[in-house]
Amino acid sequence: MRLLAALVALVVVLAGCGGSEDRFARPGAPKTSPSGEFVAHAESASEVRVTDRNGGDVFRKSYEYATSSRSDGIGVVWLPERDQLWVLVPGDTSERVEPGPDGVWTAVEAELPGEITRLG
């Protein structure tokens, strides 16, 4: 668990350092999914929203409980090859956000895939 916390913190810090391709959504800087069908919004340091291409909400969740005692906030990034959003909560966990077979978007705790850990 400590290794995951350290890894999440490292990815969030490195993502904030800039670079040629910042794929993380930030307040005021949403990121479009690989298919172009959805947009991830980091509404604040603790809230995530996904909209369809017409701006309708398909997912919204607050992570305030996990970030209330921290100032570094969450990381929000799409998997490079599919419409699967990853939410990195420093010191806590990571969640995969994607539509199920019924089309309803949900978040589940999951281990970070290599494509996300290599972003730094």
PDB file of N, CA and C in Angstrom:
ATOM      1  N   MET A   1       0.827  -1.190   0.000  1.00  0.00           N
ATOM      2  CA  MET A   1       0.000   0.000   0.000  1.00  0.00           C
ATOM      3  C   MET A   1       0.874   1.256   0.000  1.00  0.00           C
ATOM      4  N   ARG A   2       1.968   1.220   0.755  1.00  0.00           N
ATOM      5  CA  ARG A   2       2.855   2.391   0.771  1.00  0.00           C
ATOM      6  C   ARG A   2       3.516   2.607  -0.581  1.00  0.00           C
ATOM      7  N   LEU A   3       3.836   1.506  -1.249  1.00  0.00           N
ATOM      8  CA  LEU A   3       4.425   1.628  -2.582  1.00  0.00           C
ATOM      9  C   LEU A   3       3.434   2.290  -3.542  1.00  0.00           C
ATOM     10  N   LEU A   4       2.161   1.884  -3.489  1.00  0.00           N
ATOM     11  CA  LEU A   4       1.142   2.497  -4.332  1.00  0.00           C
ATOM     12  C   LEU A   4       1.016   3.981  -4.018  1.00  0.00           C
ATOM     13  N   ALA A   5       1.005   4.336  -2.740  1.00  0.00           N
ATOM     14  CA  ALA A   5       0.887   5.741  -2.349  1.00  0.00           C
ATOM     15  C   ALA A   5       2.056   6.551  -2.897  1.00  0.00           C
ATOM     16  N   ALA A   6       3.266   6.004  -2.796  1.00  0.00           N
ATOM     17  CA  ALA A   6       4.445   6.704  -3.295  1.00  0.00           C
ATOM     18  C   ALA A   6       4.385   6.841  -4.819  1.00  0.00           C
ATOM     19  N   LEU A   7       3.938   5.792  -5.488  1.00  0.00           N
ATOM     20  CA  LEU A   7       3.838   5.815  -6.946  1.00  0.00           C
ATOM     21  C   LEU A   7       2.810   6.843  -7.407  1.00  0.00           C
ATOM     22  N   VAL A   8       1.664   6.873  -6.748  1.00  0.00           N
ATOM     23  CA  VAL A   8       0.621   7.841  -7.104  1.00  0.00           C
ATOM     24  C   VAL A   8       1.141   9.259  -6.906  1.00  0.00           C
ATOM     25  N   ALA A   9       1.791   9.505  -5.777  1.00  0.00           N
ATOM     26  CA  ALA A   9       2.331  10.843  -5.515  1.00  0.00           C
ATOM     27  C   ALA A   9       3.356  11.221  -6.573  1.00  0.00           C
ATOM     28  N   LEU A  10       4.216  10.290  -6.966  1.00  0.00           N
ATOM     29  CA  LEU A  10       5.226  10.557  -7.984  1.00  0.00           C
ATOM     30  C   LEU A  10       4.592  10.890  -9.326  1.00  0.00           C
ATOM     31  N   VAL A  11       3.591  10.125  -9.743  1.00  0.00           N
ATOM     32  CA  VAL A  11       2.932  10.383 -11.021  1.00  0.00           C
ATOM     33  C   VAL A  11       2.268  11.755 -11.013  1.00  0.00           C
ATOM     34  N   VAL A  12       1.605  12.101  -9.901  1.00  0.00           N
ATOM     35  CA  VAL A  12       0.937  13.402  -9.818  1.00  0.00           C
ATOM     36  C   VAL A  12       1.952  14.532  -9.856  1.00  0.00           C
ATOM     37  N   VAL A  13       3.063  14.383  -9.139  1.00  0.00           N
ATOM     38  CA  VAL A  13       4.093  15.427  -9.128  1.00  0.00           C
ATOM     39  C   VAL A  13       4.727  15.568 -10.504  1.00  0.00           C
ATOM     40  N   LEU A  14       5.085  14.458 -11.125  1.00  0.00           N
ATOM     41  CA  LEU A  14       5.708  14.521 -12.441  1.00  0.00           C
ATOM     42  C   LEU A  14       4.754  15.093 -13.483  1.00  0.00           C
ATOM     43  N   ALA A  15       3.473  14.776 -13.369  1.00  0.00           N
ATOM     44  CA  ALA A  15       2.501  15.320 -14.313  1.00  0.00           C
ATOM     45  C   ALA A  15       2.405  16.831 -14.176  1.00  0.00           C
ATOM     46  N   GLY A  16       2.616  17.327 -12.987  1.00  0.00           N
ATOM     47  CA  GLY A  16       2.552  18.761 -12.768  1.00  0.00           C
ATOM     48  C   GLY A  16       3.786  19.498 -13.238  1.00  0.00           C
ATOM     49  N   CYS A  17       4.827  18.767 -13.592  1.00  0.00           N
ATOM     50  CA  CYS A  17       6.080  19.392 -14.012  1.00  0.00           C
ATOM     51  C   CYS A  17       6.061  19.835 -15.469  1.00  0.00           C
ATOM     52  N   GLY A  18       4.982  19.563 -16.151  1.00  0.00           N
ATOM     53  CA  GLY A  18       4.931  19.977 -17.554  1.00  0.00           C
ATOM     54  C   GLY A  18       5.437  18.878 -18.448  1.00  0.00           C
ATOM     55  N   GLY A  19       6.125  19.247 -19.468  1.00  0.00           N
ATOM     56  CA  GLY A  19       6.608  18.257 -20.416  1.00  0.00           C
ATOM     57  C   GLY A  19       5.917  18.475 -21.745  1.00  0.00           C
ATOM     58  N   SER A  20       6.307  17.685 -22.724  1.00  0.00           N
ATOM     59  CA  SER A  20       5.781  17.888 -24.057  1.00  0.00           C
ATOM     60  C   SER A  20       4.313  17.504 -24.172  1.00  0.00           C
ATOM     61  N   GLU A  21       3.865  16.565 -23.363  1.00  0.00           N
ATOM     62  CA  GLU A  21       2.481  16.129 -23.473  1.00  0.00           C
ATOM     63  C   GLU A  21       1.897  15.932 -22.083  1.00  0.00           C
ATOM     64  N   ASP A  22       1.176  16.915 -21.594  1.00  0.00           N
ATOM     65  CA  ASP A  22       0.511  16.804 -20.305  1.00  0.00           C
ATOM     66  C   ASP A  22      -0.879  16.244 -20.558  1.00  0.00           C
ATOM     67  N   ARG A  23      -1.081  14.990 -20.241  1.00  0.00           N
ATOM     68  CA  ARG A  23      -2.343  14.323 -20.513  1.00  0.00           C
ATOM     69  C   ARG A  23      -3.311  14.413 -19.347  1.00  0.00           C
ATOM     70  N   PHE A  24      -2.917  15.032 -18.236  1.00  0.00           N
ATOM     71  CA  PHE A  24      -3.773  15.111 -17.061  1.00  0.00           C
ATOM     72  C   PHE A  24      -4.782  16.245 -17.197  1.00  0.00           C
ATOM     73  N   ALA A  25      -6.042  15.950 -16.859  1.00  0.00           N
ATOM     74  CA  ALA A  25      -7.069  16.989 -16.809  1.00  0.00           C
ATOM     75  C   ALA A  25      -6.830  17.826 -15.565  1.00  0.00           C
ATOM     76  N   ARG A  26      -7.042  19.125 -15.697  1.00  0.00           N
ATOM     77  CA  ARG A  26      -6.866  20.051 -14.581  1.00  0.00           C
ATOM     78  C   ARG A  26      -8.035  21.027 -14.594  1.00  0.00           C
ATOM     79  N   PRO A  27      -8.291  21.691 -13.449  1.00  0.00           N
ATOM     80  CA  PRO A  27      -9.355  22.703 -13.458  1.00  0.00           C
ATOM     81  C   PRO A  27      -9.109  23.714 -14.583  1.00  0.00           C
ATOM     82  N   GLY A  28     -10.103  23.894 -15.415  1.00  0.00           N
ATOM     83  CA  GLY A  28      -9.982  24.807 -16.545  1.00  0.00           C
ATOM     84  C   GLY A  28      -9.300  24.222 -17.764  1.00  0.00           C
ATOM     85  N   ALA A  29      -8.809  22.981 -17.671  1.00  0.00           N
ATOM     86  CA  ALA A  29      -8.124  22.330 -18.792  1.00  0.00           C
ATOM     87  C   ALA A  29      -8.595  20.876 -18.908  1.00  0.00           C
ATOM     88  N   PRO A  30      -9.827  20.675 -19.398  1.00  0.00           N
ATOM     89  CA  PRO A  30     -10.341  19.312 -19.554  1.00  0.00           C
ATOM     90  C   PRO A  30      -9.578  18.557 -20.643  1.00  0.00           C
ATOM     91  N   LYS A  31      -9.680  17.234 -20.617  1.00  0.00           N
ATOM     92  CA  LYS A  31      -9.008  16.397 -21.617  1.00  0.00           C
ATOM     93  C   LYS A  31     -10.019  15.475 -22.279  1.00  0.00           C
ATOM     94  N   THR A  32      -9.936  15.395 -23.603  1.00  0.00           N
ATOM     95  CA  THR A  32     -10.821  14.560 -24.395  1.00  0.00           C
ATOM     96  C   THR A  32     -10.328  13.118 -24.396  1.00  0.00           C
ATOM     97  N   SER A  33     -11.274  12.180 -24.368  1.00  0.00           N
ATOM     98  CA  SER A  33     -10.941  10.753 -24.377  1.00  0.00           C
ATOM     99  C   SER A  33     -10.324  10.358 -25.718  1.00  0.00           C
ATOM    100  N   PRO A  34      -9.666   9.195 -25.772  1.00  0.00           N
ATOM    101  CA  PRO A  34      -9.049   8.757 -27.028  1.00  0.00           C
ATOM    102  C   PRO A  34     -10.028   8.667 -28.204  1.00  0.00           C
ATOM    103  N   SER A  35     -11.284   8.293 -27.949  1.00  0.00           N
ATOM    104  CA  SER A  35     -12.253   8.191 -29.042  1.00  0.00           C
ATOM    105  C   SER A  35     -12.806   9.547 -29.456  1.00  0.00           C
ATOM    106  N   GLY A  36     -12.627  10.556 -28.606  1.00  0.00           N
ATOM    107  CA  GLY A  36     -13.205  11.863 -28.869  1.00  0.00           C
ATOM    108  C   GLY A  36     -14.661  11.969 -28.439  1.00  0.00           C
ATOM    109  N   GLU A  37     -15.196  10.895 -27.864  1.00  0.00           N
ATOM    110  CA  GLU A  37     -16.600  10.852 -27.465  1.00  0.00           C
ATOM    111  C   GLU A  37     -16.872  11.471 -26.095  1.00  0.00           C
ATOM    112  N   PHE A  38     -15.840  11.545 -25.230  1.00  0.00           N
ATOM    113  CA  PHE A  38     -16.030  11.988 -23.849  1.00  0.00           C
ATOM    114  C   PHE A  38     -14.957  12.990 -23.447  1.00  0.00           C
ATOM    115  N   VAL A  39     -15.255  13.743 -22.397  1.00  0.00           N
ATOM    116  CA  VAL A  39     -14.309  14.730 -21.893  1.00  0.00           C
ATOM    117  C   VAL A  39     -14.216  14.573 -20.376  1.00  0.00           C
ATOM    118  N   ALA A  40     -12.974  14.507 -19.858  1.00  0.00           N
ATOM    119  CA  ALA A  40     -12.730  14.442 -18.417  1.00  0.00           C
ATOM    120  C   ALA A  40     -12.483  15.857 -17.910  1.00  0.00           C
ATOM    121  N   HIS A  41     -13.155  16.197 -16.822  1.00  0.00           N
ATOM    122  CA  HIS A  41     -13.010  17.506 -16.199  1.00  0.00           C
ATOM    123  C   HIS A  41     -12.543  17.309 -14.767  1.00  0.00           C
ATOM    124  N   ALA A  42     -11.471  17.978 -14.385  1.00  0.00           N
ATOM    125  CA  ALA A  42     -11.067  18.038 -12.983  1.00  0.00           C
ATOM    126  C   ALA A  42     -11.699  19.332 -12.475  1.00  0.00           C
ATOM    127  N   GLU A  43     -12.862  19.220 -11.893  1.00  0.00           N
ATOM    128  CA  GLU A  43     -13.622  20.400 -11.490  1.00  0.00           C
ATOM    129  C   GLU A  43     -12.924  21.177 -10.380  1.00  0.00           C
ATOM    130  N   SER A  44     -12.139  20.476  -9.585  1.00  0.00           N
ATOM    131  CA  SER A  44     -11.379  21.080  -8.484  1.00  0.00           C
ATOM    132  C   SER A  44     -10.277  20.098  -8.147  1.00  0.00           C
ATOM    133  N   ALA A  45      -9.594  20.322  -7.041  1.00  0.00           N
ATOM    134  CA  ALA A  45      -8.546  19.388  -6.621  1.00  0.00           C
ATOM    135  C   ALA A  45      -9.132  18.081  -6.110  1.00  0.00           C
ATOM    136  N   SER A  46     -10.485  18.000  -6.012  1.00  0.00           N
ATOM    137  CA  SER A  46     -11.084  16.793  -5.451  1.00  0.00           C
ATOM    138  C   SER A  46     -12.335  16.298  -6.186  1.00  0.00           C
ATOM    139  N   GLU A  47     -12.721  16.906  -7.294  1.00  0.00           N
ATOM    140  CA  GLU A  47     -13.937  16.467  -7.981  1.00  0.00           C
ATOM    141  C   GLU A  47     -13.667  16.168  -9.446  1.00  0.00           C
ATOM    142  N   VAL A  48     -14.236  15.047  -9.922  1.00  0.00           N
ATOM    143  CA  VAL A  48     -14.061  14.593 -11.298  1.00  0.00           C
ATOM    144  C   VAL A  48     -15.429  14.516 -11.964  1.00  0.00           C
ATOM    145  N   ARG A  49     -15.458  14.926 -13.226  1.00  0.00           N
ATOM    146  CA  ARG A  49     -16.688  14.848 -14.008  1.00  0.00           C
ATOM    147  C   ARG A  49     -16.323  14.383 -15.408  1.00  0.00           C
ATOM    148  N   VAL A  50     -17.144  13.503 -15.974  1.00  0.00           N
ATOM    149  CA  VAL A  50     -16.993  13.070 -17.362  1.00  0.00           C
ATOM    150  C   VAL A  50     -18.271  13.465 -18.084  1.00  0.00           C
ATOM    151  N   THR A  51     -18.097  14.089 -19.250  1.00  0.00           N
ATOM    152  CA  THR A  51     -19.247  14.482 -20.058  1.00  0.00           C
ATOM    153  C   THR A  51     -19.168  13.812 -21.420  1.00  0.00           C
ATOM    154  N   ASP A  52     -20.323  13.715 -22.066  1.00  0.00           N
ATOM    155  CA  ASP A  52     -20.322  13.234 -23.446  1.00  0.00           C
ATOM    156  C   ASP A  52     -19.992  14.413 -24.360  1.00  0.00           C
ATOM    157  N   ARG A  53     -19.918  14.174 -25.639  1.00  0.00           N
ATOM    158  CA  ARG A  53     -19.492  15.242 -26.556  1.00  0.00           C
ATOM    159  C   ARG A  53     -20.474  16.409 -26.607  1.00  0.00           C
ATOM    160  N   ASN A  54     -21.703  16.204 -26.126  1.00  0.00           N
ATOM    161  CA  ASN A  54     -22.690  17.283 -26.094  1.00  0.00           C
ATOM    162  C   ASN A  54     -22.694  18.024 -24.761  1.00  0.00           C
ATOM    163  N   GLY A  55     -21.815  17.629 -23.845  1.00  0.00           N
ATOM    164  CA  GLY A  55     -21.722  18.306 -22.555  1.00  0.00           C
ATOM    165  C   GLY A  55     -22.579  17.716 -21.459  1.00  0.00           C
ATOM    166  N   GLY A  56     -23.282  16.628 -21.741  1.00  0.00           N
ATOM    167  CA  GLY A  56     -24.114  15.985 -20.722  1.00  0.00           C
ATOM    168  C   GLY A  56     -23.269  15.133 -19.782  1.00  0.00           C
ATOM    169  N   ASP A  57     -23.544  15.221 -18.499  1.00  0.00           N
ATOM    170  CA  ASP A  57     -22.802  14.428 -17.513  1.00  0.00           C
ATOM    171  C   ASP A  57     -23.068  12.943 -17.684  1.00  0.00           C
ATOM    172  N   VAL A  58     -21.986  12.148 -17.676  1.00  0.00           N
ATOM    173  CA  VAL A  58     -22.111  10.693 -17.649  1.00  0.00           C
ATOM    174  C   VAL A  58     -21.515  10.125 -16.366  1.00  0.00           C
ATOM    175  N   PHE A  59     -20.692  10.945 -15.683  1.00  0.00           N
ATOM    176  CA  PHE A  59     -20.098  10.514 -14.415  1.00  0.00           C
ATOM    177  C   PHE A  59     -19.681  11.746 -13.641  1.00  0.00           C
ATOM    178  N   ARG A  60     -19.859  11.671 -12.312  1.00  0.00           N
ATOM    179  CA  ARG A  60     -19.402  12.744 -11.423  1.00  0.00           C
ATOM    180  C   ARG A  60     -19.135  12.125 -10.060  1.00  0.00           C
ATOM    181  N   LYS A  61     -17.986  12.494  -9.472  1.00  0.00           N
ATOM    182  CA  LYS A  61     -17.665  11.988  -8.136  1.00  0.00           C
ATOM    183  C   LYS A  61     -16.744  12.972  -7.428  1.00  0.00           C
ATOM    184  N   SER A  62     -16.997  13.135  -6.136  1.00  0.00           N
ATOM    185  CA  SER A  62     -16.138  13.969  -5.300  1.00  0.00           C
ATOM    186  C   SER A  62     -15.194  13.066  -4.514  1.00  0.00           C
ATOM    187  N   TYR A  63     -13.944  13.456  -4.461  1.00  0.00           N
ATOM    188  CA  TYR A  63     -12.933  12.741  -3.679  1.00  0.00           C
ATOM    189  C   TYR A  63     -12.493  13.599  -2.503  1.00  0.00           C
ATOM    190  N   GLU A  64     -13.359  14.504  -2.092  1.00  0.00           N
ATOM    191  CA  GLU A  64     -13.029  15.427  -1.013  1.00  0.00           C
ATOM    192  C   GLU A  64     -12.642  14.688   0.264  1.00  0.00           C
ATOM    193  N   TYR A  65     -13.304  13.563   0.541  1.00  0.00           N
ATOM    194  CA  TYR A  65     -12.982  12.771   1.732  1.00  0.00           C
ATOM    195  C   TYR A  65     -11.518  12.358   1.751  1.00  0.00           C
ATOM    196  N   ALA A  66     -10.954  12.098   0.578  1.00  0.00           N
ATOM    197  CA  ALA A  66      -9.581  11.599   0.497  1.00  0.00           C
ATOM    198  C   ALA A  66      -8.561  12.718   0.406  1.00  0.00           C
ATOM    199  N   THR A  67      -8.984  13.914   0.030  1.00  0.00           N
ATOM    200  CA  THR A  67      -8.030  14.994  -0.171  1.00  0.00           C
ATOM    201  C   THR A  67      -8.192  16.118   0.847  1.00  0.00           C
ATOM    202  N   SER A  68      -9.107  15.967   1.789  1.00  0.00           N
ATOM    203  CA  SER A  68      -9.385  17.050   2.733  1.00  0.00           C
ATOM    204  C   SER A  68      -8.180  17.409   3.593  1.00  0.00           C
ATOM    205  N   SER A  69      -7.309  16.451   3.870  1.00  0.00           N
ATOM    206  CA  SER A  69      -6.135  16.746   4.698  1.00  0.00           C
ATOM    207  C   SER A  69      -4.866  16.904   3.869  1.00  0.00           C
ATOM    208  N   ARG A  70      -5.004  16.912   2.542  1.00  0.00           N
ATOM    209  CA  ARG A  70      -3.847  17.033   1.653  1.00  0.00           C
ATOM    210  C   ARG A  70      -4.054  18.214   0.721  1.00  0.00           C
ATOM    211  N   SER A  71      -2.979  18.784   0.248  1.00  0.00           N
ATOM    212  CA  SER A  71      -3.109  19.916  -0.665  1.00  0.00           C
ATOM    213  C   SER A  71      -2.741  19.561  -2.100  1.00  0.00           C
ATOM    214  N   ASP A  72      -2.301  18.323  -2.350  1.00  0.00           N
ATOM    215  CA  ASP A  72      -1.838  17.992  -3.699  1.00  0.00           C
ATOM    216  C   ASP A  72      -2.947  17.557  -4.646  1.00  0.00           C
ATOM    217  N   GLY A  73      -4.124  17.249  -4.159  1.00  0.00           N
ATOM    218  CA  GLY A  73      -5.243  16.922  -5.030  1.00  0.00           C
ATOM    219  C   GLY A  73      -5.106  15.586  -5.733  1.00  0.00           C
ATOM    220  N   ILE A  74      -5.995  15.365  -6.679  1.00  0.00           N
ATOM    221  CA  ILE A  74      -6.053  14.105  -7.403  1.00  0.00           C
ATOM    222  C   ILE A  74      -5.479  14.272  -8.802  1.00  0.00           C
ATOM    223  N   GLY A  75      -5.129  13.151  -9.416  1.00  0.00           N
ATOM    224  CA  GLY A  75      -4.711  13.139 -10.813  1.00  0.00           C
ATOM    225  C   GLY A  75      -5.824  12.512 -11.641  1.00  0.00           C
ATOM    226  N   VAL A  76      -6.091  13.054 -12.825  1.00  0.00           N
ATOM    227  CA  VAL A  76      -7.169  12.565 -13.686  1.00  0.00           C
ATOM    228  C   VAL A  76      -6.601  12.416 -15.093  1.00  0.00           C
ATOM    229  N   VAL A  77      -6.566  11.169 -15.604  1.00  0.00           N
ATOM    230  CA  VAL A  77      -5.923  10.933 -16.900  1.00  0.00           C
ATOM    231  C   VAL A  77      -6.589   9.759 -17.628  1.00  0.00           C
ATOM    232  N   TRP A  78      -6.718   9.891 -18.952  1.00  0.00           N
ATOM    233  CA  TRP A  78      -7.266   8.815 -19.776  1.00  0.00           C
ATOM    234  C   TRP A  78      -6.199   7.764 -20.060  1.00  0.00           C
ATOM    235  N   LEU A  79      -6.596   6.508 -20.145  1.00  0.00           N
ATOM    236  CA  LEU A  79      -5.729   5.469 -20.668  1.00  0.00           C
ATOM    237  C   LEU A  79      -5.500   5.822 -22.139  1.00  0.00           C
ATOM    238  N   PRO A  80      -4.287   5.679 -22.655  1.00  0.00           N
ATOM    239  CA  PRO A  80      -3.989   6.166 -24.011  1.00  0.00           C
ATOM    240  C   PRO A  80      -4.820   5.564 -25.146  1.00  0.00           C
ATOM    241  N   GLU A  81      -5.191   4.310 -25.069  1.00  0.00           N
ATOM    242  CA  GLU A  81      -5.812   3.638 -26.201  1.00  0.00           C
ATOM    243  C   GLU A  81      -7.305   3.367 -26.070  1.00  0.00           C
ATOM    244  N   ARG A  82      -7.926   3.745 -24.943  1.00  0.00           N
ATOM    245  CA  ARG A  82      -9.361   3.478 -24.800  1.00  0.00           C
ATOM    246  C   ARG A  82      -9.998   4.471 -23.850  1.00  0.00           C
ATOM    247  N   ASP A  83     -11.308   4.542 -23.894  1.00  0.00           N
ATOM    248  CA  ASP A  83     -12.048   5.475 -23.045  1.00  0.00           C
ATOM    249  C   ASP A  83     -12.181   4.922 -21.630  1.00  0.00           C
ATOM    250  N   GLN A  84     -11.054   4.917 -20.959  1.00  0.00           N
ATOM    251  CA  GLN A  84     -10.972   4.455 -19.571  1.00  0.00           C
ATOM    252  C   GLN A  84     -10.211   5.526 -18.802  1.00  0.00           C
ATOM    253  N   LEU A  85     -10.886   6.139 -17.853  1.00  0.00           N
ATOM    254  CA  LEU A  85     -10.307   7.227 -17.079  1.00  0.00           C
ATOM    255  C   LEU A  85      -9.727   6.681 -15.784  1.00  0.00           C
ATOM    256  N   TRP A  86      -8.587   7.226 -15.388  1.00  0.00           N
ATOM    257  CA  TRP A  86      -7.951   6.836 -14.133  1.00  0.00           C
ATOM    258  C   TRP A  86      -7.899   8.037 -13.215  1.00  0.00           C
ATOM    259  N   VAL A  87      -8.325   7.830 -11.981  1.00  0.00           N
ATOM    260  CA  VAL A  87      -8.285   8.860 -10.956  1.00  0.00           C
ATOM    261  C   VAL A  87      -7.278   8.402  -9.908  1.00  0.00           C
ATOM    262  N   LEU A  88      -6.243   9.192  -9.716  1.00  0.00           N
ATOM    263  CA  LEU A  88      -5.173   8.873  -8.771  1.00  0.00           C
ATOM    264  C   LEU A  88      -5.358   9.736  -7.531  1.00  0.00           C
ATOM    265  N   VAL A  89      -5.564   9.083  -6.403  1.00  0.00           N
ATOM    266  CA  VAL A  89      -5.770   9.786  -5.142  1.00  0.00           C
ATOM    267  C   VAL A  89      -4.502   9.618  -4.320  1.00  0.00           C
ATOM    268  N   PRO A  90      -3.717  10.684  -4.157  1.00  0.00           N
ATOM    269  CA  PRO A  90      -2.438  10.580  -3.444  1.00  0.00           C
ATOM    270  C   PRO A  90      -2.592   9.995  -2.042  1.00  0.00           C
ATOM    271  N   GLY A  91      -1.721   9.049  -1.736  1.00  0.00           N
ATOM    272  CA  GLY A  91      -1.714   8.450  -0.418  1.00  0.00           C
ATOM    273  C   GLY A  91      -2.855   7.501  -0.160  1.00  0.00           C
ATOM    274  N   ASP A  92      -3.722   7.287  -1.142  1.00  0.00           N
ATOM    275  CA  ASP A  92      -4.886   6.454  -0.897  1.00  0.00           C
ATOM    276  C   ASP A  92      -4.965   5.305  -1.895  1.00  0.00           C
ATOM    277  N   THR A  93      -5.473   5.570  -3.081  1.00  0.00           N
ATOM    278  CA  THR A  93      -5.725   4.500  -4.029  1.00  0.00           C
ATOM    279  C   THR A  93      -5.864   5.068  -5.438  1.00  0.00           C
ATOM    280  N   SER A  94      -6.186   4.207  -6.352  1.00  0.00           N
ATOM    281  CA  SER A  94      -6.506   4.651  -7.702  1.00  0.00           C
ATOM    282  C   SER A  94      -7.818   3.999  -8.103  1.00  0.00           C
ATOM    283  N   GLU A  95      -8.561   4.689  -8.958  1.00  0.00           N
ATOM    284  CA  GLU A  95      -9.829   4.160  -9.439  1.00  0.00           C
ATOM    285  C   GLU A  95      -9.871   4.216 -10.954  1.00  0.00           C
ATOM    286  N   ARG A  96     -10.451   3.180 -11.511  1.00  0.00           N
ATOM    287  CA  ARG A  96     -10.706   3.097 -12.949  1.00  0.00           C
ATOM    288  C   ARG A  96     -12.159   3.517 -13.158  1.00  0.00           C
ATOM    289  N   VAL A  97     -12.385   4.438 -14.079  1.00  0.00           N
ATOM    290  CA  VAL A  97     -13.730   4.934 -14.364  1.00  0.00           C
ATOM    291  C   VAL A  97     -14.017   4.644 -15.834  1.00  0.00           C
ATOM    292  N   GLU A  98     -15.088   3.899 -16.081  1.00  0.00           N
ATOM    293  CA  GLU A  98     -15.435   3.553 -17.455  1.00  0.00           C
ATOM    294  C   GLU A  98     -16.882   3.089 -17.517  1.00  0.00           C
ATOM    295  N   PRO A  99     -17.447   3.055 -18.735  1.00  0.00           N
ATOM    296  CA  PRO A  99     -18.819   2.563 -18.865  1.00  0.00           C
ATOM    297  C   PRO A  99     -18.856   1.043 -18.793  1.00  0.00           C
ATOM    298  N   GLY A 100     -19.889   0.534 -18.158  1.00  0.00           N
ATOM    299  CA  GLY A 100     -20.106  -0.910 -18.120  1.00  0.00           C
ATOM    300  C   GLY A 100     -20.871  -1.345 -19.360  1.00  0.00           C
ATOM    301  N   PRO A 101     -21.222  -2.630 -19.431  1.00  0.00           N
ATOM    302  CA  PRO A 101     -21.968  -3.140 -20.585  1.00  0.00           C
ATOM    303  C   PRO A 101     -23.312  -2.424 -20.790  1.00  0.00           C
ATOM    304  N   ASP A 102     -23.854  -1.878 -19.690  1.00  0.00           N
ATOM    305  CA  ASP A 102     -25.119  -1.161 -19.776  1.00  0.00           C
ATOM    306  C   ASP A 102     -24.940   0.310 -20.138  1.00  0.00           C
ATOM    307  N   GLY A 103     -23.672   0.740 -20.314  1.00  0.00           N
ATOM    308  CA  GLY A 103     -23.391   2.119 -20.675  1.00  0.00           C
ATOM    309  C   GLY A 103     -23.273   3.073 -19.502  1.00  0.00           C
ATOM    310  N   VAL A 104     -23.520   2.582 -18.287  1.00  0.00           N
ATOM    311  CA  VAL A 104     -23.434   3.423 -17.096  1.00  0.00           C
ATOM    312  C   VAL A 104     -21.981   3.496 -16.631  1.00  0.00           C
ATOM    313  N   TRP A 105     -21.489   4.721 -16.442  1.00  0.00           N
ATOM    314  CA  TRP A 105     -20.121   4.936 -15.997  1.00  0.00           C
ATOM    315  C   TRP A 105     -20.028   4.733 -14.497  1.00  0.00           C
ATOM    316  N   THR A 106     -19.028   3.952 -14.057  1.00  0.00           N
ATOM    317  CA  THR A 106     -18.803   3.705 -12.637  1.00  0.00           C
ATOM    318  C   THR A 106     -17.310   3.735 -12.340  1.00  0.00           C
ATOM    319  N   ALA A 107     -17.002   3.906 -11.069  1.00  0.00           N
ATOM    320  CA  ALA A 107     -15.611   3.904 -10.608  1.00  0.00           C
ATOM    321  C   ALA A 107     -15.386   2.685  -9.734  1.00  0.00           C
ATOM    322  N   VAL A 108     -14.267   2.003  -9.961  1.00  0.00           N
ATOM    323  CA  VAL A 108     -13.883   0.864  -9.128  1.00  0.00           C
ATOM    324  C   VAL A 108     -12.409   0.982  -8.789  1.00  0.00           C
ATOM    325  N   GLU A 109     -12.056   0.605  -7.552  1.00  0.00           N
ATOM    326  CA  GLU A 109     -10.642   0.603  -7.177  1.00  0.00           C
ATOM    327  C   GLU A 109      -9.904  -0.392  -8.049  1.00  0.00           C
ATOM    328  N   ALA A 110      -8.717  -0.009  -8.494  1.00  0.00           N
ATOM    329  CA  ALA A 110      -7.937  -0.890  -9.354  1.00  0.00           C
ATOM    330  C   ALA A 110      -6.465  -0.509  -9.286  1.00  0.00           C
ATOM    331  N   GLU A 111      -5.631  -1.486  -9.601  1.00  0.00           N
ATOM    332  CA  GLU A 111      -4.191  -1.233  -9.653  1.00  0.00           C
ATOM    333  C   GLU A 111      -3.868  -0.496 -10.948  1.00  0.00           C
ATOM    334  N   LEU A 112      -2.992   0.485 -10.834  1.00  0.00           N
ATOM    335  CA  LEU A 112      -2.630   1.291 -12.003  1.00  0.00           C
ATOM    336  C   LEU A 112      -1.974   0.440 -13.083  1.00  0.00           C
ATOM    337  N   PRO A 113      -2.399   0.625 -14.337  1.00  0.00           N
ATOM    338  CA  PRO A 113      -1.750  -0.085 -15.441  1.00  0.00           C
ATOM    339  C   PRO A 113      -0.419   0.594 -15.784  1.00  0.00           C
ATOM    340  N   GLY A 114       0.447  -0.142 -16.457  1.00  0.00           N
ATOM    341  CA  GLY A 114       1.764   0.377 -16.833  1.00  0.00           C
ATOM    342  C   GLY A 114       1.699   1.632 -17.671  1.00  0.00           C
ATOM    343  N   GLU A 115       0.682   1.745 -18.530  1.00  0.00           N
ATOM    344  CA  GLU A 115       0.558   2.940 -19.383  1.00  0.00           C
ATOM    345  C   GLU A 115       0.418   4.208 -18.562  1.00  0.00           C
ATOM    346  N   ILE A 116      -0.172   4.094 -17.386  1.00  0.00           N
ATOM    347  CA  ILE A 116      -0.360   5.261 -16.522  1.00  0.00           C
ATOM    348  C   ILE A 116       0.894   5.511 -15.689  1.00  0.00           C
ATOM    349  N   THR A 117       1.490   4.476 -15.155  1.00  0.00           N
ATOM    350  CA  THR A 117       2.677   4.654 -14.311  1.00  0.00           C
ATOM    351  C   THR A 117       3.870   5.167 -15.105  1.00  0.00           C
ATOM    352  N   ARG A 118       3.885   4.923 -16.422  1.00  0.00           N
ATOM    353  CA  ARG A 118       4.996   5.386 -17.256  1.00  0.00           C
ATOM    354  C   ARG A 118       4.849   6.840 -17.715  1.00  0.00           C
ATOM    355  N   LEU A 119       3.786   7.515 -17.324  1.00  0.00           N
ATOM    356  CA  LEU A 119       3.585   8.888 -17.789  1.00  0.00           C
ATOM    357  C   LEU A 119       4.640   9.850 -17.280  1.00  0.00           C
ATOM    358  N   GLY A 120       5.207   9.572 -16.136  1.00  0.00           N
ATOM    359  CA  GLY A 120       6.214  10.475 -15.559  1.00  0.00           C
ATOM    360  C   GLY A 120       7.470  10.411 -16.310  1.00  0.00           C
TER     361      GLY A 120
END
